[in-house]
Amino acid sequence: MANIISLDSKLQLTRDKKAKLIKKRKILAVQKVFQCTQCSFKCEKCSAQISLAHQKKNDSSNIKVSYRLCESCME
C-alpha cells in the first residue's frame, strides 16, 4: 500500500492564513474608525483616504486643483 498523505499541516496553514487575513481586516477597520474626519489626506468628494505618495505625485503635476481629490474623483 502507498503511504497516506496527511492533510493536517495544509489545513492548519490555510487556517492560519485566513486568521491573519481576518485580523488584518479588523485592524484596518479599527484604524478607519479612529482616523480624524477632517484629515487633509481625505478626498473632499467621497472621503476616501488619499495616500501620501499619490498626494506628492499630484503636487508635482501641472494641473492645480483647489480641492484634494482621489484618483477616481479627479477624472
C-alpha atoms as a PDB file:
ATOM      1  CA  MET A   1       0.000   0.000   0.000  1.00  0.00           C
ATOM      2  CA  ALA A   2       1.055   3.547  -0.626  1.00  0.00           C
ATOM      3  CA  ASN A   3       1.781   5.987   2.153  1.00  0.00           C
ATOM      4  CA  ILE A   4      -1.185   8.061   3.299  1.00  0.00           C
ATOM      5  CA  ILE A   5      -0.626  11.775   2.863  1.00  0.00           C
ATOM      6  CA  SER A   6      -1.574  13.837   5.887  1.00  0.00           C
ATOM      7  CA  LEU A   7      -3.505  16.998   5.122  1.00  0.00           C
ATOM      8  CA  ASP A   8      -3.357  18.340   8.670  1.00  0.00           C
ATOM      9  CA  SER A   9      -0.416  20.653   8.011  1.00  0.00           C
ATOM     10  CA  LYS A  10      -2.030  22.037   4.853  1.00  0.00           C
ATOM     11  CA  LEU A  11      -5.317  22.621   6.695  1.00  0.00           C
ATOM     12  CA  GLN A  12      -3.508  24.352   9.556  1.00  0.00           C
ATOM     13  CA  LEU A  13      -1.597  26.558   7.112  1.00  0.00           C
ATOM     14  CA  THR A  14      -4.847  27.521   5.383  1.00  0.00           C
ATOM     15  CA  ARG A  15      -6.498  28.302   8.729  1.00  0.00           C
ATOM     16  CA  ASP A  16      -3.521  30.438   9.768  1.00  0.00           C
ATOM     17  CA  LYS A  17      -3.636  32.413   6.511  1.00  0.00           C
ATOM     18  CA  LYS A  18      -7.367  33.032   6.896  1.00  0.00           C
ATOM     19  CA  ALA A  19      -6.911  34.070  10.530  1.00  0.00           C
ATOM     20  CA  LYS A  20      -4.159  36.537   9.582  1.00  0.00           C
ATOM     21  CA  LEU A  21      -6.326  37.997   6.824  1.00  0.00           C
ATOM     22  CA  ILE A  22      -9.289  38.419   9.173  1.00  0.00           C
ATOM     23  CA  LYS A  23      -7.057  40.019  11.812  1.00  0.00           C
ATOM     24  CA  LYS A  24      -5.613  42.426   9.242  1.00  0.00           C
ATOM     25  CA  ARG A  25      -9.116  43.411   8.078  1.00  0.00           C
ATOM     26  CA  LYS A  26     -10.206  44.027  11.668  1.00  0.00           C
ATOM     27  CA  ILE A  27      -7.154  46.190  12.355  1.00  0.00           C
ATOM     28  CA  LEU A  28      -7.789  48.240   9.206  1.00  0.00           C
ATOM     29  CA  ALA A  29     -11.438  48.692  10.186  1.00  0.00           C
ATOM     30  CA  VAL A  30     -10.469  49.960  13.639  1.00  0.00           C
ATOM     31  CA  GLN A  31      -7.882  52.313  12.123  1.00  0.00           C
ATOM     32  CA  LYS A  32     -10.514  53.782   9.811  1.00  0.00           C
ATOM     33  CA  VAL A  33     -12.837  54.406  12.750  1.00  0.00           C
ATOM     34  CA  PHE A  34     -10.172  56.271  14.713  1.00  0.00           C
ATOM     35  CA  GLN A  35      -8.857  58.400  11.845  1.00  0.00           C
ATOM     36  CA  CYS A  36      -9.878  62.027  12.015  1.00  0.00           C
ATOM     37  CA  THR A  37     -12.753  63.117   9.792  1.00  0.00           C
ATOM     38  CA  GLN A  38     -11.104  66.434   8.888  1.00  0.00           C
ATOM     39  CA  CYS A  39      -7.862  64.799   7.805  1.00  0.00           C
ATOM     40  CA  SER A  40      -6.055  66.579   4.968  1.00  0.00           C
ATOM     41  CA  PHE A  41      -5.380  63.240   3.271  1.00  0.00           C
ATOM     42  CA  LYS A  42      -9.039  62.505   2.548  1.00  0.00           C
ATOM     43  CA  CYS A  43     -10.836  63.090  -0.714  1.00  0.00           C
ATOM     44  CA  GLU A  44     -13.177  66.043  -0.343  1.00  0.00           C
ATOM     45  CA  LYS A  45     -15.781  64.442  -2.601  1.00  0.00           C
ATOM     46  CA  CYS A  46     -16.003  60.800  -1.481  1.00  0.00           C
ATOM     47  CA  SER A  47     -13.981  60.892   1.796  1.00  0.00           C
ATOM     48  CA  ALA A  48     -11.663  58.122   0.613  1.00  0.00           C
ATOM     49  CA  GLN A  49      -8.195  58.030   2.136  1.00  0.00           C
ATOM     50  CA  ILE A  50      -5.532  59.511  -0.156  1.00  0.00           C
ATOM     51  CA  SER A  51      -2.061  58.029   0.160  1.00  0.00           C
ATOM     52  CA  LEU A  52       0.885  60.326   0.762  1.00  0.00           C
ATOM     53  CA  ALA A  53       2.689  59.042  -2.342  1.00  0.00           C
ATOM     54  CA  HIS A  54      -0.348  59.828  -4.514  1.00  0.00           C
ATOM     55  CA  GLN A  55      -0.567  63.302  -2.967  1.00  0.00           C
ATOM     56  CA  LYS A  56       3.105  64.060  -3.721  1.00  0.00           C
ATOM     57  CA  LYS A  57       2.635  62.886  -7.305  1.00  0.00           C
ATOM     58  CA  ASN A  58      -0.328  65.238  -7.768  1.00  0.00           C
ATOM     59  CA  ASP A  59       1.515  68.185  -6.206  1.00  0.00           C
ATOM     60  CA  SER A  60       4.250  67.894  -8.812  1.00  0.00           C
ATOM     61  CA  SER A  61       1.824  67.736 -11.745  1.00  0.00           C
ATOM     62  CA  ASN A  62       0.902  70.759 -13.845  1.00  0.00           C
ATOM     63  CA  ILE A  63      -2.802  70.541 -13.004  1.00  0.00           C
ATOM     64  CA  LYS A  64      -3.667  72.662  -9.991  1.00  0.00           C
ATOM     65  CA  VAL A  65      -6.943  71.830  -8.268  1.00  0.00           C
ATOM     66  CA  SER A  66      -8.111  73.720  -5.205  1.00  0.00           C
ATOM     67  CA  TYR A  67      -9.660  70.555  -3.753  1.00  0.00           C
ATOM     68  CA  ARG A  68      -7.937  67.379  -2.574  1.00  0.00           C
ATOM     69  CA  LEU A  69      -9.419  64.572  -4.661  1.00  0.00           C
ATOM     70  CA  CYS A  70      -8.626  60.877  -5.024  1.00  0.00           C
ATOM     71  CA  GLU A  71      -7.703  59.397  -8.406  1.00  0.00           C
ATOM     72  CA  SER A  72     -11.229  58.280  -9.275  1.00  0.00           C
ATOM     73  CA  CYS A  73     -12.842  61.609  -8.333  1.00  0.00           C
ATOM     74  CA  MET A  74     -10.138  63.599 -10.126  1.00  0.00           C
ATOM     75  CA  GLU A  75     -11.080  62.082 -13.510  1.00  0.00           C
END
